[in-house]
Amino acid sequence: MKTYHPSVNNLSRREFVAGTAAMAALSMAPKWSRAQAKPDSRFEGVQIGAITYSFRSMPGSAQDLLNYCIECGISSVELMGGPAEAFAGAPEFEGLSRPRGAQATEEALAAYNEKRREQQEILSEWRQTVSMDKYAELRKMYNDAGVGIHIVKLGDINGNMPTEEIEYCFNVARTLGARGITTEISEDKAKALGPHADKHEIMIGFHNHTQVDASSWEKPFSYGKYLAMNFDIGHYVAGTNESPLPIIERYAAENRILSLHIKDRKVNNGPNMPLGMGDTPVALVLQWMKKNNASFPADIELEYSIPEGSNAVKEVKKCVYYCKNVLMA
């Protein structure tokens, strides 16, 4: 069993003070409305954003997500690919559920896999022929409202895709004004996608869960200059019981960080918690970004359980206010 890392414990105790102050300030925080100026979530030079996955419990069209961002005062996002592609006219499919338990017969799994393959082929064909016009319209809609799209997450981009489909992903990112595309960390993906990323000068940001350690990015990064981190600091602390700050310091110096995912988890693979209540040194990471003029955004990813009577927008608002109060302190 992993043991509690003392440096993480010490950091989270110090950030607890900042977290308490942030929560206390919520009752005095102003309400956002469309009548106000465009949202601005850059505080003391640090861009606070959100991954739109945070709103997965609510209706999720591209327009819905934009409305949530405005309500939360968020001016920059990592946009999930599903709503973006739906806006662009992607084919719609019936939902698929992988058979489990007694239902997971050989025949049922084969049928599920075949249906999934068919859907992937249809989507791939659409991606290789679709115009970028609707993506340009989507970018304008967000930008006109004061929200930039700095990252797009287009499903599982990988080297098994046709070259034309990989090119589509980079073209979508460029059309949306995104600096990068995010996907799960993989050496095989790095090897296949590195040349495309370097050609387009658009980053691939590798996202981690708890499976990584401090050396996990070294080999993937050897395959291209534009391969970077979409570093989830909460998952890293939960999986390693170590502070994420040394990783951030190292790879920021090498210009290898596309973005951070901001969440708070307990060590020893513990649960997600509201910001300031877990073992992740969220406040110290934000303060480091402020002190060092970090060029990459810190994106809120809401994964803790939403309290009864609340919703994702209300909880993301709390996270924004927490980050703002830490940075303005």
Protein backbone atom coordinates (compact mmCIF):
# COMPACT_ATOMS: atom_id res chain seq x y z
CA MET A 1 0.00 0.00 0.00
CA LYS A 2 1.24 3.47 -0.81
CA THR A 3 2.03 5.65 2.13
CA TYR A 4 1.08 9.26 2.70
CA HIS A 5 3.78 11.49 1.24
CA PRO A 6 4.75 14.14 3.80
CA SER A 7 5.45 16.86 1.23
CA VAL A 8 1.92 16.56 -0.14
CA ASN A 9 0.51 16.72 3.37
CA ASN A 10 2.44 19.87 4.20
CA LEU A 11 1.43 21.58 0.96
CA SER A 12 -2.26 20.84 1.35
CA ARG A 13 -2.26 22.14 4.92
CA ARG A 14 -0.88 25.45 3.72
CA GLU A 15 -3.36 25.66 0.90
CA PHE A 16 -6.22 24.89 3.28
CA VAL A 17 -6.06 28.49 4.50
CA ALA A 18 -6.41 29.79 0.96
CA GLY A 19 -9.23 27.35 0.29
CA THR A 20 -11.15 28.44 3.37
CA ALA A 21 -10.83 32.07 2.37
CA ALA A 22 -12.00 31.28 -1.14
CA MET A 23 -15.10 29.47 0.08
CA ALA A 24 -15.92 32.24 2.54
CA ALA A 25 -15.76 34.75 -0.29
CA LEU A 26 -18.40 32.92 -2.30
CA SER A 27 -21.26 34.53 -0.42
CA MET A 28 -19.96 37.96 -1.45
CA ALA A 29 -19.07 37.05 -5.04
CA PRO A 30 -20.94 38.96 -7.74
CA LYS A 31 -23.45 37.18 -9.97
CA TRP A 32 -22.55 36.88 -13.63
CA SER A 33 -25.12 38.02 -16.19
CA ARG A 34 -25.27 38.55 -19.92
CA ALA A 35 -25.69 42.27 -19.31
CA GLN A 36 -22.15 42.44 -17.94
CA ALA A 37 -18.94 42.70 -19.91
CA LYS A 38 -17.58 39.57 -21.55
CA PRO A 39 -16.24 36.98 -19.10
CA ASP A 40 -12.63 37.29 -18.02
CA SER A 41 -11.12 34.48 -15.98
CA ARG A 42 -7.51 35.58 -16.27
CA PHE A 43 -6.45 36.49 -12.74
CA GLU A 44 -3.05 38.00 -11.99
CA GLY A 45 -1.83 36.78 -15.37
CA VAL A 46 -3.02 33.17 -14.88
CA GLN A 47 -5.66 31.91 -17.32
CA ILE A 48 -8.28 29.90 -15.45
CA GLY A 49 -10.46 27.85 -17.76
CA ALA A 50 -12.46 24.65 -17.70
CA ILE A 51 -12.80 21.46 -19.66
CA THR A 52 -16.40 21.30 -20.83
CA TYR A 53 -16.54 17.69 -19.61
CA SER A 54 -17.22 19.37 -16.26
CA PHE A 55 -20.79 20.03 -17.46
CA ARG A 56 -21.48 16.45 -18.56
CA SER A 57 -24.44 16.13 -16.14
CA MET A 58 -26.32 18.90 -17.99
CA PRO A 59 -27.59 19.38 -21.57
CA GLY A 60 -24.45 19.55 -23.66
CA SER A 61 -24.81 21.25 -27.04
CA ALA A 62 -22.11 23.71 -28.09
CA GLN A 63 -24.50 26.57 -27.31
CA ASP A 64 -25.38 25.07 -23.90
CA LEU A 65 -21.70 24.82 -23.02
CA LEU A 66 -21.07 28.39 -24.07
CA ASN A 67 -23.95 29.56 -21.86
CA TYR A 68 -22.48 27.70 -18.88
CA CYS A 69 -19.07 29.26 -19.47
CA ILE A 70 -20.58 32.75 -19.56
CA GLU A 71 -22.53 32.06 -16.38
CA CYS A 72 -19.37 30.85 -14.64
CA GLY A 73 -17.32 33.80 -15.89
CA ILE A 74 -14.98 31.51 -17.83
CA SER A 75 -13.19 33.05 -20.79
CA SER A 76 -11.26 30.04 -22.15
CA VAL A 77 -12.07 26.35 -22.49
CA GLU A 78 -10.92 22.90 -23.42
CA LEU A 79 -13.84 21.91 -25.63
CA MET A 80 -14.96 18.30 -25.86
CA GLY A 81 -15.11 17.09 -29.43
CA GLY A 82 -18.61 15.59 -29.31
CA PRO A 83 -20.49 18.91 -29.06
CA ALA A 84 -18.11 20.56 -31.55
CA GLU A 85 -18.60 17.82 -34.14
CA ALA A 86 -22.37 17.78 -33.56
CA PHE A 87 -22.40 21.53 -34.29
CA ALA A 88 -20.52 20.79 -37.52
CA GLY A 89 -23.13 18.20 -38.56
CA ALA A 90 -21.53 14.90 -37.56
CA PRO A 91 -23.70 11.80 -38.03
CA GLU A 92 -25.81 10.88 -35.01
CA PHE A 93 -25.76 7.36 -33.60
CA GLU A 94 -27.87 5.40 -31.18
CA GLY A 95 -26.21 4.98 -27.82
CA LEU A 96 -24.18 1.82 -27.32
CA SER A 97 -23.72 0.05 -24.00
CA ARG A 98 -21.09 -2.63 -23.69
CA PRO A 99 -22.69 -5.88 -22.44
CA ARG A 100 -21.72 -6.74 -18.87
CA GLY A 101 -22.22 -9.53 -16.41
CA ALA A 102 -24.51 -12.31 -17.57
CA GLN A 103 -25.33 -10.29 -20.69
CA ALA A 104 -21.70 -10.34 -21.86
CA THR A 105 -21.99 -13.45 -24.01
CA GLU A 106 -19.59 -14.03 -26.86
CA GLU A 107 -22.37 -13.26 -29.36
CA ALA A 108 -23.45 -10.06 -27.56
CA LEU A 109 -19.88 -8.74 -27.36
CA ALA A 110 -19.29 -9.54 -31.04
CA ALA A 111 -22.46 -7.66 -32.00
CA TYR A 112 -21.46 -4.71 -29.84
CA ASN A 113 -17.96 -4.56 -31.35
CA GLU A 114 -19.31 -4.79 -34.89
CA LYS A 115 -21.82 -1.98 -34.31
CA ARG A 116 -19.11 0.17 -32.74
CA ARG A 117 -16.80 -0.49 -35.71
CA GLU A 118 -19.55 0.50 -38.14
CA GLN A 119 -20.15 3.75 -36.30
CA GLN A 120 -16.44 4.56 -36.24
CA GLU A 121 -16.19 3.97 -39.99
CA ILE A 122 -19.13 6.26 -40.71
CA LEU A 123 -17.67 8.98 -38.50
CA SER A 124 -14.24 8.58 -40.09
CA GLU A 125 -15.69 8.96 -43.59
CA TRP A 126 -17.57 12.10 -42.52
CA ARG A 127 -14.46 13.60 -40.94
CA GLN A 128 -12.43 13.12 -44.11
CA THR A 129 -14.87 15.09 -46.27
CA VAL A 130 -16.49 17.74 -44.04
CA SER A 131 -15.88 21.45 -44.62
CA MET A 132 -14.32 23.59 -41.88
CA ASP A 133 -17.01 26.27 -42.35
CA LYS A 134 -19.11 25.22 -39.35
CA TYR A 135 -16.02 25.09 -37.14
CA ALA A 136 -15.19 28.64 -38.18
CA GLU A 137 -18.77 29.58 -37.26
CA LEU A 138 -18.39 27.85 -33.90
CA ARG A 139 -15.18 29.72 -33.16
CA LYS A 140 -16.83 33.03 -34.00
CA MET A 141 -19.82 32.22 -31.77
CA TYR A 142 -17.54 31.54 -28.80
CA ASN A 143 -15.13 34.40 -29.48
CA ASP A 144 -17.94 36.92 -29.94
CA ALA A 145 -19.19 35.93 -26.49
CA GLY A 146 -15.71 36.39 -25.00
CA VAL A 147 -14.75 32.72 -24.74
CA GLY A 148 -11.65 31.32 -26.43
CA ILE A 149 -11.21 27.64 -27.33
CA HIS A 150 -7.60 26.91 -26.40
CA ILE A 151 -7.84 23.10 -26.66
CA VAL A 152 -10.12 20.61 -28.39
CA LYS A 153 -10.43 16.98 -27.26
CA LEU A 154 -11.37 14.96 -30.34
CA GLY A 155 -11.98 11.52 -28.90
CA ASP A 156 -9.17 9.01 -29.19
CA ILE A 157 -6.92 10.49 -31.87
CA ASN A 158 -4.33 7.83 -32.69
CA GLY A 159 -2.05 6.39 -35.32
CA ASN A 160 -4.57 3.77 -36.43
CA MET A 161 -6.70 6.48 -38.04
CA PRO A 162 -6.36 7.15 -41.77
CA THR A 163 -3.92 9.99 -42.43
CA GLU A 164 -6.79 12.11 -43.76
CA GLU A 165 -8.66 11.74 -40.46
CA ILE A 166 -5.60 12.71 -38.42
CA GLU A 167 -5.20 15.77 -40.65
CA TYR A 168 -8.86 16.60 -40.04
CA CYS A 169 -8.21 16.72 -36.29
CA PHE A 170 -5.39 19.24 -36.70
CA ASN A 171 -7.44 21.30 -39.15
CA VAL A 172 -10.30 21.45 -36.65
CA ALA A 173 -7.94 22.62 -33.93
CA ARG A 174 -6.49 25.35 -36.16
CA THR A 175 -9.94 26.50 -37.30
CA LEU A 176 -11.18 26.73 -33.71
CA GLY A 177 -8.09 28.72 -32.72
CA ALA A 178 -6.86 25.96 -30.41
CA ARG A 179 -3.23 25.57 -29.41
CA GLY A 180 -3.57 21.83 -29.05
CA ILE A 181 -5.47 18.56 -29.04
CA THR A 182 -5.68 16.35 -25.97
CA THR A 183 -5.63 12.57 -25.75
CA GLU A 184 -4.58 9.86 -23.30
CA ILE A 185 -0.84 9.36 -22.79
CA SER A 186 0.68 6.65 -24.99
CA GLU A 187 4.09 6.08 -26.51
CA ASP A 188 2.49 4.57 -29.62
CA LYS A 189 0.37 7.69 -30.09
CA ALA A 190 3.41 9.90 -29.57
CA LYS A 191 5.36 8.03 -32.23
CA ALA A 192 2.49 8.21 -34.74
CA LEU A 193 1.28 11.74 -34.04
CA GLY A 194 4.57 13.52 -33.37
CA PRO A 195 5.34 14.22 -37.05
CA HIS A 196 1.82 15.60 -37.63
CA ALA A 197 2.03 17.84 -34.57
CA ASP A 198 5.41 19.19 -35.65
CA LYS A 199 4.18 19.82 -39.19
CA HIS A 200 1.11 21.74 -38.04
CA GLU A 201 2.84 23.34 -35.03
CA ILE A 202 -0.18 22.34 -32.96
CA MET A 203 0.46 20.48 -29.72
CA ILE A 204 -0.74 17.05 -28.72
CA GLY A 205 -1.34 17.23 -24.96
CA PHE A 206 -1.07 13.86 -23.25
CA HIS A 207 -3.52 13.46 -20.37
CA ASN A 208 -2.78 11.24 -17.39
CA HIS A 209 -4.84 9.37 -14.87
CA THR A 210 -3.18 7.64 -11.91
CA GLN A 211 -1.02 5.28 -14.02
CA VAL A 212 1.95 7.65 -14.41
CA ASP A 213 5.07 8.53 -12.47
CA ALA A 214 7.65 11.30 -12.83
CA SER A 215 9.33 9.60 -15.79
CA SER A 216 6.23 8.68 -17.81
CA TRP A 217 6.49 11.55 -20.31
CA GLU A 218 10.20 11.21 -21.13
CA LYS A 219 9.90 8.59 -23.89
CA PRO A 220 6.74 10.01 -25.51
CA PHE A 221 8.30 13.47 -25.72
CA SER A 222 11.25 12.09 -27.68
CA TYR A 223 9.03 11.70 -30.77
CA GLY A 224 8.35 15.36 -31.47
CA LYS A 225 8.80 18.97 -30.46
CA TYR A 226 5.06 19.64 -30.24
CA LEU A 227 4.23 16.78 -27.88
CA ALA A 228 3.27 18.09 -24.46
CA MET A 229 1.35 17.49 -21.23
CA ASN A 230 -2.31 17.92 -20.40
CA PHE A 231 -1.24 17.40 -16.79
CA ASP A 232 -3.95 16.31 -14.35
CA ILE A 233 -2.50 17.31 -10.99
CA GLY A 234 -5.24 15.61 -8.95
CA HIS A 235 -4.78 12.22 -10.60
CA TYR A 236 -1.00 12.56 -10.27
CA VAL A 237 -1.18 13.15 -6.51
CA ALA A 238 -3.69 10.33 -6.02
CA GLY A 239 -1.54 7.87 -7.96
CA THR A 240 1.96 8.80 -6.75
CA ASN A 241 1.46 10.48 -3.33
CA GLU A 242 3.92 13.10 -4.61
CA SER A 243 3.68 16.82 -5.26
CA PRO A 244 3.12 17.78 -8.92
CA LEU A 245 5.22 20.93 -8.60
CA PRO A 246 8.58 19.34 -9.59
CA ILE A 247 6.94 17.96 -12.76
CA ILE A 248 5.44 21.35 -13.57
CA GLU A 249 8.74 23.14 -12.98
CA ARG A 250 10.66 20.71 -15.16
CA TYR A 251 8.33 20.61 -18.15
CA ALA A 252 7.38 24.28 -18.06
CA ALA A 253 11.07 25.05 -18.55
CA GLU A 254 11.04 22.76 -21.60
CA ASN A 255 7.82 24.30 -23.01
CA ARG A 256 6.12 20.91 -22.74
CA ILE A 257 2.95 21.86 -20.87
CA LEU A 258 -0.17 22.48 -22.95
CA SER A 259 -2.44 22.84 -19.90
CA LEU A 260 -3.14 21.68 -16.37
CA HIS A 261 -6.29 19.97 -15.18
CA ILE A 262 -7.23 21.45 -11.83
CA LYS A 263 -8.90 19.08 -9.42
CA ASP A 264 -8.30 18.02 -5.81
CA ARG A 265 -7.90 14.37 -4.81
CA LYS A 266 -6.80 12.50 -1.74
CA VAL A 267 -3.58 10.48 -1.81
CA ASN A 268 -3.52 6.66 -2.01
CA ASN A 269 -5.99 6.75 -4.93
CA GLY A 270 -8.41 8.65 -2.75
CA PRO A 271 -11.60 10.39 -3.89
CA ASN A 272 -12.10 13.68 -5.69
CA MET A 273 -12.82 16.54 -3.31
CA PRO A 274 -13.90 20.19 -3.59
CA LEU A 275 -10.88 22.43 -4.17
CA GLY A 276 -8.90 22.96 -0.98
CA MET A 277 -10.30 19.89 0.76
CA GLY A 278 -8.08 17.14 -0.65
CA ASP A 279 -4.33 16.50 -0.67
CA THR A 280 -3.51 18.15 -4.01
CA PRO A 281 -1.58 21.43 -3.59
CA VAL A 282 -3.91 23.34 -5.88
CA ALA A 283 -3.26 26.73 -4.29
CA LEU A 284 0.52 26.35 -4.44
CA VAL A 285 0.35 25.29 -8.09
CA LEU A 286 -1.70 28.38 -8.93
CA GLN A 287 0.66 30.59 -6.94
CA TRP A 288 3.62 29.04 -8.79
CA MET A 289 1.92 29.85 -12.12
CA LYS A 290 1.42 33.45 -11.00
CA LYS A 291 4.99 33.87 -9.78
CA ASN A 292 6.50 32.31 -12.90
CA ASN A 293 4.24 33.97 -15.48
CA ALA A 294 3.04 30.61 -16.76
CA SER A 295 1.89 30.72 -20.38
CA PHE A 296 -0.35 27.66 -20.12
CA PRO A 297 -3.91 27.61 -18.71
CA ALA A 298 -5.22 25.94 -15.57
CA ASP A 299 -8.47 24.20 -16.52
CA ILE A 300 -11.01 23.22 -13.89
CA GLU A 301 -12.24 19.64 -14.25
CA LEU A 302 -15.25 19.02 -12.03
CA GLU A 303 -15.18 15.40 -10.89
CA TYR A 304 -16.21 15.49 -7.23
CA SER A 305 -19.79 14.55 -6.38
CA ILE A 306 -22.21 17.42 -6.89
CA PRO A 307 -24.02 18.16 -3.61
CA GLU A 308 -27.78 17.76 -3.43
CA GLY A 309 -29.51 20.95 -4.54
CA SER A 310 -26.55 22.11 -6.62
CA ASN A 311 -25.50 21.54 -10.23
CA ALA A 312 -22.37 21.56 -12.33
CA VAL A 313 -22.56 25.27 -13.14
CA LYS A 314 -22.83 26.22 -9.48
CA GLU A 315 -19.91 23.96 -8.55
CA VAL A 316 -17.67 25.19 -11.38
CA LYS A 317 -18.46 28.75 -10.24
CA LYS A 318 -17.18 27.81 -6.79
CA CYS A 319 -14.01 26.45 -8.36
CA VAL A 320 -13.49 29.65 -10.34
CA TYR A 321 -13.93 31.76 -7.22
CA TYR A 322 -11.52 29.53 -5.32
CA CYS A 323 -8.86 29.97 -8.00
CA LYS A 324 -9.49 33.71 -8.21
CA ASN A 325 -9.15 34.21 -4.46
CA VAL A 326 -5.96 32.17 -4.31
CA LEU A 327 -4.42 34.21 -7.12
CA MET A 328 -5.61 37.58 -5.85
CA ALA A 329 -4.35 36.94 -2.32
